[in-house]
Protein backbone atom coordinates (compact mmCIF):
# COMPACT_ATOMS: atom_id res chain seq x y z
CA MET A 1 0.00 0.00 0.00
CA ASN A 2 1.41 3.38 -1.02
CA LEU A 3 2.05 6.08 1.55
CA SER A 4 -0.06 9.22 1.57
CA ALA A 5 0.81 12.86 2.23
CA SER A 6 -0.57 12.71 5.78
CA CYS A 7 1.77 11.72 8.58
CA THR A 8 -1.14 10.60 10.77
CA ASP A 9 -2.62 8.39 8.04
CA ASN A 10 0.76 6.87 7.24
CA LEU A 11 1.38 6.14 10.90
CA ARG A 12 -2.04 4.49 11.21
CA MET A 13 -1.41 2.34 8.11
CA LEU A 14 2.00 1.20 9.31
CA GLN A 15 0.69 0.29 12.76
CA HIS A 16 -2.19 -1.63 11.16
CA GLU A 17 0.14 -3.50 8.76
CA ALA A 18 2.46 -4.35 11.68
CA GLY A 19 -0.47 -5.86 13.58
CA GLY A 20 0.09 -3.73 16.68
CA THR A 21 3.42 -5.42 17.46
CA ALA A 22 4.90 -4.36 20.79
CA ASP A 23 8.44 -3.72 19.51
CA LEU A 24 7.38 -0.96 17.08
CA THR A 25 8.12 2.34 18.84
CA VAL A 26 6.76 5.70 17.66
CA SER A 27 8.11 9.13 18.62
CA ARG A 28 6.11 12.16 17.49
CA VAL A 29 8.33 15.17 16.85
CA THR A 30 8.14 18.57 15.20
CA VAL A 31 10.96 19.50 12.84
CA CYS A 32 11.08 23.04 11.40
CA GLY A 33 7.39 23.48 12.20
CA ILE A 34 6.38 20.28 10.39
CA ARG A 35 4.70 17.41 12.19
CA CYS A 36 6.78 14.24 11.93
CA ALA A 37 6.97 10.78 13.41
CA LEU A 38 10.07 8.68 14.00
CA LEU A 39 9.53 4.91 13.96
CA THR A 40 12.03 2.31 15.16
CA CYS A 41 12.05 -1.36 16.11
CA GLU A 42 13.07 -1.94 19.70
CA GLY A 43 16.20 -4.03 19.98
CA MET A 44 17.21 -3.58 16.34
CA CYS A 45 18.55 -0.01 16.61
CA SER A 46 21.41 1.50 18.55
CA ALA A 47 20.06 3.90 21.17
CA ALA A 48 23.31 5.90 21.09
CA LEU A 49 23.21 6.33 17.31
CA LEU A 50 19.52 7.20 17.45
CA GLY A 51 20.17 10.01 19.90
CA GLU A 52 23.43 11.34 18.44
CA GLN A 53 22.84 11.01 14.70
CA ILE A 54 19.06 11.32 14.38
CA ALA A 55 17.22 12.91 17.32
CA LYS A 56 19.79 15.58 18.22
CA PRO A 57 20.45 16.85 14.65
CA LEU A 58 16.72 16.99 13.92
CA ALA A 59 16.05 18.94 17.12
CA GLN A 60 18.79 21.45 16.26
CA LEU A 61 17.69 21.88 12.64
CA LYS A 62 16.50 25.44 11.99
CA ILE A 63 15.73 26.03 8.32
CA PRO A 64 12.66 27.36 6.52
CA CYS A 65 10.72 24.42 5.06
CA GLU A 66 7.39 24.91 3.33
CA SER A 67 6.42 21.24 3.34
CA GLY A 68 7.48 17.81 4.41
CA ALA A 69 8.70 17.09 0.88
CA ALA A 70 11.17 19.98 1.15
CA LEU A 71 12.37 18.70 4.53
CA ILE A 72 12.89 15.17 3.19
CA ARG A 73 14.71 16.56 0.16
CA PHE A 74 16.99 18.67 2.36
CA LEU A 75 17.83 15.74 4.65
CA ARG A 76 18.51 13.51 1.65
CA GLU A 77 20.68 15.95 -0.33
CA TYR A 78 22.67 17.61 2.45
CA ARG A 79 23.15 14.47 4.54
CA LEU A 80 22.44 16.05 7.90
CA THR A 81 23.40 12.81 9.62
CA ALA A 82 26.25 10.38 9.02
CA ALA A 83 23.89 7.40 8.90
CA ASP A 84 23.06 5.60 5.68
CA THR A 85 19.76 6.71 4.17
CA ALA A 86 17.08 5.01 2.12
CA GLU A 87 13.62 5.98 0.91
CA ALA A 88 10.30 4.17 1.15
CA ALA A 89 7.14 4.93 -0.81
CA ASP A 90 4.94 2.04 0.37
CA THR A 91 4.16 0.33 3.65
CA ASP A 92 5.87 -2.97 2.76
CA ASN A 93 9.23 -1.32 2.07
CA ALA A 94 8.85 0.97 5.07
CA LEU A 95 8.22 -1.91 7.49
CA HIS A 96 11.06 -3.92 5.96
CA LEU A 97 13.45 -1.04 6.65
CA ILE A 98 12.15 -0.58 10.20
CA PHE A 99 12.50 -4.26 11.08
CA SER A 100 15.98 -4.25 9.51
CA GLY A 101 17.24 -1.71 12.04
CA PHE A 102 16.47 1.58 10.28
CA ALA A 103 14.80 4.60 11.85
CA LEU A 104 11.92 5.76 9.61
CA LEU A 105 10.97 9.44 9.46
CA LEU A 106 7.41 10.31 8.37
CA CYS A 107 6.56 13.93 7.58
CA ASP A 108 3.34 15.79 6.81
CA GLY A 109 3.05 16.91 3.20
CA THR A 110 4.99 14.10 1.51
CA ASP A 111 4.22 10.55 0.44
CA THR A 112 7.86 9.46 0.84
CA ALA A 113 9.50 8.33 4.07
CA LEU A 114 13.21 8.66 4.81
CA ALA A 115 15.03 5.87 6.66
CA PHE A 116 18.34 6.14 8.55
CA GLY A 117 20.53 3.09 9.07
CA ILE A 118 21.36 2.87 12.77
CA GLN A 119 21.48 -0.90 13.24
CA GLY A 120 22.70 -1.89 16.68
CA TYR A 121 21.27 -5.27 17.62
CA ALA A 122 23.13 -7.63 19.92
CA SER A 123 25.23 -10.32 18.27
CA ARG A 124 27.82 -12.96 19.08
CA GLY A 125 31.47 -11.96 18.89
CA ILE A 126 33.99 -13.31 16.40
CA THR A 127 35.44 -16.58 17.66
CA GLU A 128 37.45 -19.48 16.30
CA PRO A 129 35.27 -21.88 14.29
CA SER A 130 34.81 -25.10 16.22
CA GLY A 131 34.29 -27.22 13.11
CA GLU A 132 37.45 -26.16 11.23
CA LEU A 133 40.26 -25.90 13.76
CA ASN A 134 43.81 -25.27 12.59
CA ILE A 135 47.23 -24.60 14.06
CA TYR A 136 48.82 -21.88 11.97
CA GLY A 137 45.84 -20.10 10.38
CA ALA A 138 43.72 -17.23 11.62
CA LYS A 139 41.49 -17.76 14.65
CA GLU A 140 38.50 -15.91 13.19
CA GLY A 141 35.30 -17.51 12.00
CA PHE A 142 32.07 -16.30 10.51
CA THR A 143 29.41 -15.01 12.86
CA GLU A 144 25.67 -14.43 12.48
CA PRO A 145 25.37 -10.77 11.23
CA LEU A 146 25.83 -10.56 7.46
CA ARG A 147 27.59 -7.17 7.53
CA THR A 148 30.20 -8.48 9.96
CA ASN A 149 30.93 -11.43 7.70
CA LEU A 150 31.27 -9.14 4.68
CA SER A 151 33.80 -7.03 6.57
CA LEU A 152 35.84 -10.15 7.42
CA ILE A 153 36.02 -10.98 3.71
CA ARG A 154 36.74 -7.43 2.52
CA ARG A 155 39.55 -7.06 5.05
CA ARG A 156 41.31 -10.00 3.40
CA MET A 157 40.38 -9.15 -0.20
CA LYS A 158 40.68 -5.44 -0.97
CA SER A 159 40.59 -5.99 -4.73
CA PRO A 160 37.81 -4.12 -6.58
CA ALA A 161 37.16 -7.36 -8.46
CA LEU A 162 35.49 -8.74 -5.33
CA THR A 163 31.79 -7.90 -5.59
CA PHE A 164 28.85 -8.44 -3.26
CA GLU A 165 25.26 -8.70 -4.47
CA ILE A 166 22.52 -8.78 -1.83
CA LEU A 167 19.15 -10.40 -2.49
CA THR A 168 16.13 -10.92 -0.23
CA ALA A 169 14.55 -14.35 0.19
CA GLY A 170 11.67 -15.66 2.26
CA THR A 171 8.25 -14.07 2.10
CA ALA A 172 7.99 -13.98 5.89
CA SER A 173 11.59 -13.75 7.11
CA GLN A 174 12.84 -11.33 4.40
CA THR A 175 16.36 -12.69 4.89
CA ASP A 176 19.31 -11.00 3.20
CA ILE A 177 21.42 -13.33 1.06
CA CYS A 178 24.72 -12.16 -0.41
CA ILE A 179 26.29 -13.59 -3.58
CA CYS A 180 30.08 -13.13 -3.53
CA GLN A 181 32.30 -13.50 -6.57
CA MET A 182 35.56 -12.39 -8.13
CA ARG A 183 34.84 -10.66 -11.42
CA GLY A 184 36.75 -12.25 -14.26
CA ARG A 185 37.20 -15.56 -12.44
CA ALA A 186 33.74 -16.88 -11.61
CA PRO A 187 31.77 -18.15 -14.65
CA GLN A 188 28.97 -15.67 -15.26
CA ASP A 189 26.59 -18.39 -16.45
CA MET A 190 26.90 -20.05 -13.06
CA VAL A 191 26.42 -16.72 -11.26
CA ARG A 192 23.31 -15.99 -13.31
CA GLN A 193 21.89 -19.45 -12.61
CA ILE A 194 22.49 -19.08 -8.86
CA ARG A 195 20.87 -15.63 -8.89
CA GLU A 196 17.80 -16.95 -10.69
CA ARG A 197 17.43 -19.89 -8.31
CA LEU A 198 17.70 -17.69 -5.23
CA ALA A 199 15.22 -15.18 -6.64
CA ALA A 200 12.68 -17.95 -7.25
CA LEU A 201 12.90 -19.66 -3.84
CA PRO A 202 9.39 -20.85 -2.83
CA LEU A 203 10.08 -20.39 0.89
CA GLU A 204 8.45 -18.43 3.68
CA SER A 205 11.64 -18.24 5.71
CA VAL A 206 15.36 -18.78 5.26
CA LEU A 207 16.78 -19.41 8.73
CA SER A 208 19.85 -21.42 7.75
CA GLY A 209 21.93 -22.43 4.76
CA GLY A 210 20.23 -25.81 4.75
CA TYR A 211 17.02 -24.13 3.57
CA ILE A 212 18.49 -23.05 0.21
CA ARG A 213 21.14 -25.73 -0.25
CA PRO A 214 18.78 -28.25 -1.95
CA PHE A 215 17.82 -25.61 -4.52
CA LEU A 216 21.47 -25.13 -5.47
CA GLU A 217 22.40 -28.80 -5.78
CA GLN A 218 22.83 -30.22 -9.26
CA SER A 219 20.69 -33.27 -8.47
CA ASP A 220 18.47 -34.45 -5.64
CA THR A 221 19.73 -38.04 -5.85
CA GLN A 222 23.51 -37.52 -5.85
CA LEU A 223 25.46 -38.99 -2.95
CA ILE A 224 28.15 -36.29 -2.90
CA HIS A 225 27.17 -32.67 -2.29
CA SER A 226 28.02 -30.18 -5.02
CA VAL A 227 27.53 -27.28 -2.58
CA GLY A 228 30.20 -26.94 0.10
CA THR A 229 30.26 -25.11 3.42
CA THR A 230 32.94 -23.34 5.41
CA GLU A 231 33.13 -21.40 8.66
CA ARG A 232 36.44 -19.70 7.86
CA PRO A 233 36.76 -16.37 6.00
CA ASP A 234 40.27 -17.25 4.76
CA VAL A 235 39.07 -20.53 3.23
CA PHE A 236 36.12 -18.67 1.72
CA CYS A 237 38.44 -16.12 0.09
CA ALA A 238 40.64 -18.91 -1.28
CA LYS A 239 37.59 -20.49 -2.92
CA LEU A 240 36.62 -17.18 -4.50
CA LEU A 241 40.12 -16.83 -5.97
CA GLU A 242 39.67 -20.26 -7.55
CA GLY A 243 36.59 -19.04 -9.42
CA ARG A 244 33.93 -20.35 -7.06
CA VAL A 245 30.80 -18.46 -6.07
CA GLY A 246 30.17 -17.85 -2.37
CA ILE A 247 26.83 -17.34 -0.66
CA LEU A 248 26.39 -15.72 2.75
CA ILE A 249 23.09 -15.75 4.64
CA ASP A 250 22.17 -13.28 7.35
CA GLY A 251 21.89 -15.12 10.66
CA THR A 252 24.06 -18.08 9.59
CA PRO A 253 27.67 -18.47 10.85
CA PHE A 254 28.88 -20.39 7.81
CA ALA A 255 29.03 -19.79 4.07
CA LEU A 256 28.04 -21.86 1.07
CA VAL A 257 30.49 -22.40 -1.81
CA VAL A 258 29.46 -23.47 -5.31
CA PRO A 259 30.69 -25.80 -6.70
CA GLN A 260 32.50 -28.19 -4.36
CA LEU A 261 34.77 -31.09 -5.32
CA PHE A 262 34.80 -34.35 -3.36
CA CYS A 263 38.54 -34.13 -2.70
CA GLU A 264 38.05 -30.79 -0.91
CA THR A 265 36.41 -32.55 2.02
CA PHE A 266 39.87 -33.91 2.90
CA GLN A 267 41.68 -30.57 2.59
CA THR A 268 42.43 -28.18 5.43
CA LEU A 269 44.06 -24.79 5.65
CA ASP A 270 47.04 -26.25 7.49
CA ASP A 271 47.88 -28.36 4.43
CA TYR A 272 49.20 -25.18 2.82
CA ASN A 273 51.26 -24.26 5.88
CA TYR A 274 53.19 -27.53 6.02
CA PRO A 275 56.07 -28.56 3.72
CA PRO A 276 54.74 -30.08 0.48
CA LEU A 277 56.00 -33.59 1.20
CA TYR A 278 54.54 -33.70 4.70
CA ALA A 279 51.22 -32.22 3.54
CA THR A 280 51.02 -34.82 0.76
CA VAL A 281 51.57 -37.66 3.23
CA LEU A 282 48.85 -36.28 5.52
CA ARG A 283 46.40 -35.92 2.67
CA TRP A 284 46.96 -39.47 1.42
CA LEU A 285 46.58 -40.66 5.01
CA LYS A 286 43.13 -39.07 5.06
CA TYR A 287 42.22 -40.75 1.79
CA ALA A 288 43.34 -44.12 3.15
CA ALA A 289 41.41 -43.66 6.39
CA ALA A 290 38.26 -42.75 4.46
CA ALA A 291 38.61 -45.80 2.22
CA ILE A 292 39.12 -48.08 5.22
CA ALA A 293 36.10 -46.64 7.04
CA LEU A 294 33.98 -47.06 3.92
CA LEU A 295 35.09 -50.52 2.79
CA LEU A 296 36.19 -52.38 5.94
CA PRO A 297 32.70 -53.26 7.30
CA ALA A 298 31.53 -54.58 3.94
CA GLY A 299 34.84 -56.38 3.36
CA TYR A 300 34.70 -58.05 6.77
CA LEU A 301 31.12 -59.17 6.20
CA ALA A 302 31.87 -60.56 2.74
CA ALA A 303 34.94 -62.45 3.96
CA ALA A 304 33.26 -63.84 7.08
CA LEU A 305 30.15 -65.09 5.26
CA HIS A 306 31.28 -66.02 1.76
CA HIS A 307 35.08 -66.23 1.67
CA PRO A 308 36.34 -67.41 5.09
CA ALA A 309 39.44 -68.87 3.39
CA LEU A 310 40.70 -65.31 2.95
CA LEU A 311 41.00 -64.88 6.72
CA HIS A 312 43.97 -66.07 8.76
CA GLU A 313 43.42 -69.34 10.59
CA THR A 314 43.86 -67.76 14.03
CA LEU A 315 41.49 -64.90 13.21
CA LEU A 316 38.96 -67.29 11.74
CA ARG A 317 39.03 -69.41 14.91
CA ILE A 318 38.47 -66.35 17.08
CA LEU A 319 35.54 -65.21 14.95
CA THR A 320 34.00 -68.69 14.96
CA GLU A 321 34.19 -68.96 18.75
CA ALA A 322 32.71 -65.47 19.11
CA GLU A 323 29.82 -66.27 16.78
CA GLN A 324 28.86 -69.32 18.83
CA ASN A 325 28.09 -67.11 21.85
CA VAL A 326 26.11 -64.45 19.93
CA PRO A 327 22.50 -65.10 18.83
CA PHE A 328 22.84 -62.77 15.84
CA SER A 329 24.29 -63.12 12.39
CA PRO A 330 27.40 -61.13 11.41
CA ALA A 331 25.24 -58.84 9.26
CA ALA A 332 22.91 -58.08 12.19
CA GLU A 333 25.91 -57.46 14.45
CA LEU A 334 27.41 -55.03 11.97
CA LEU A 335 24.17 -53.10 11.52
CA GLY A 336 23.69 -52.99 15.28
CA VAL A 337 27.18 -51.59 15.86
CA LEU A 338 26.66 -48.93 13.19
CA PHE A 339 23.28 -48.01 14.67
CA MET A 340 24.68 -47.72 18.19
CA PHE A 341 27.59 -45.63 16.96
CA GLU A 342 25.23 -43.16 15.29
CA ALA A 343 22.97 -43.11 18.36
CA VAL A 344 25.87 -42.37 20.73
CA ARG A 345 27.26 -39.73 18.37
CA GLU A 346 23.88 -38.01 18.07
CA ALA A 347 23.36 -38.13 21.83
CA GLY A 348 26.77 -36.57 22.42
CA LEU A 349 25.95 -33.74 20.02
CA ARG A 350 22.35 -32.96 20.98
CA LEU A 351 22.17 -33.62 24.71
CA PRO A 352 23.37 -31.00 27.21
CA LYS A 353 27.12 -31.00 27.72
CA ALA A 354 26.80 -32.25 31.29
CA VAL A 355 24.97 -35.36 30.04
CA GLY A 356 26.40 -35.82 26.55
CA GLY A 357 29.88 -36.75 27.75
CA ALA A 358 28.51 -39.37 30.13
CA VAL A 359 26.41 -40.91 27.35
CA GLY A 360 29.49 -41.14 25.14
CA MET A 361 31.52 -42.91 27.83
CA ILE A 362 28.74 -45.34 28.74
CA GLY A 363 28.06 -46.08 25.07
């Protein structure tokens, strides 16, 4: 719904569209003889910035203004405050700005509202990512606010070729999603395809990267993900330099990287800090461990049931004696062990820390 030239009517429309929510605060003020209203969302704005950059300059403003349109034009052109500004001509855009941490100024005599960016919501500090620990690399990981994550990337990549494109997804959540790329390195066909898929997301909310990851995968039936994740800004920058496309989501402390190769799941940042020979040995050790974990259960089952001659005589005797005391087949034993391992692992992750450790030891 478009705004009108009446401050009172606009205020009534915005309060009606917001459903009378308790965190929408309204301050009625008079600026240069013109009736105005300043709207903010409690908890999303910085009280210090609101007082220093918005309320105080407006109270001290003494200029002749014939209408609210002239006042809005003066504030927009002469940048009375240091805050970022944006305009809104309808209630949907106005409420989106308010709930994004902007202070919205409504004036009599104009159908355009002026918004000032004074975001100041509480957030978690920058800490070392728990899922990608390293020895020699940086100890900084992504956090929840999108702007903070963008600053972590820009601090490492000051090249003008690094570009950020912000989209909005989710009809209810209105979540900001940023597409990051290095111009001249990332294939533009892939960037265009990602942009189109994100713009057409049939979702009400985007609360995590897992919400949009299925829409970016090449196939729903593939066993290996083609969309990777990382919690580290330095790893993210390295992927961008390789021509990948990165995706950051507001409220999510990790980034998506498109595309991802299977071998990258075995790579770490420390591999590039070690001597080449030592790093190569470590990487092949990871490959061998993955192959053993994947093939050993099936190999043991096949040898025990169908090819016992492949086993050593002593080992075969031990297995035979053990089977006589167990009322289950080797296949049932193997499935039971795998099930219990997953159950103990899930309990250790999801239960409170005081209980999760005990469950892991008992299991």
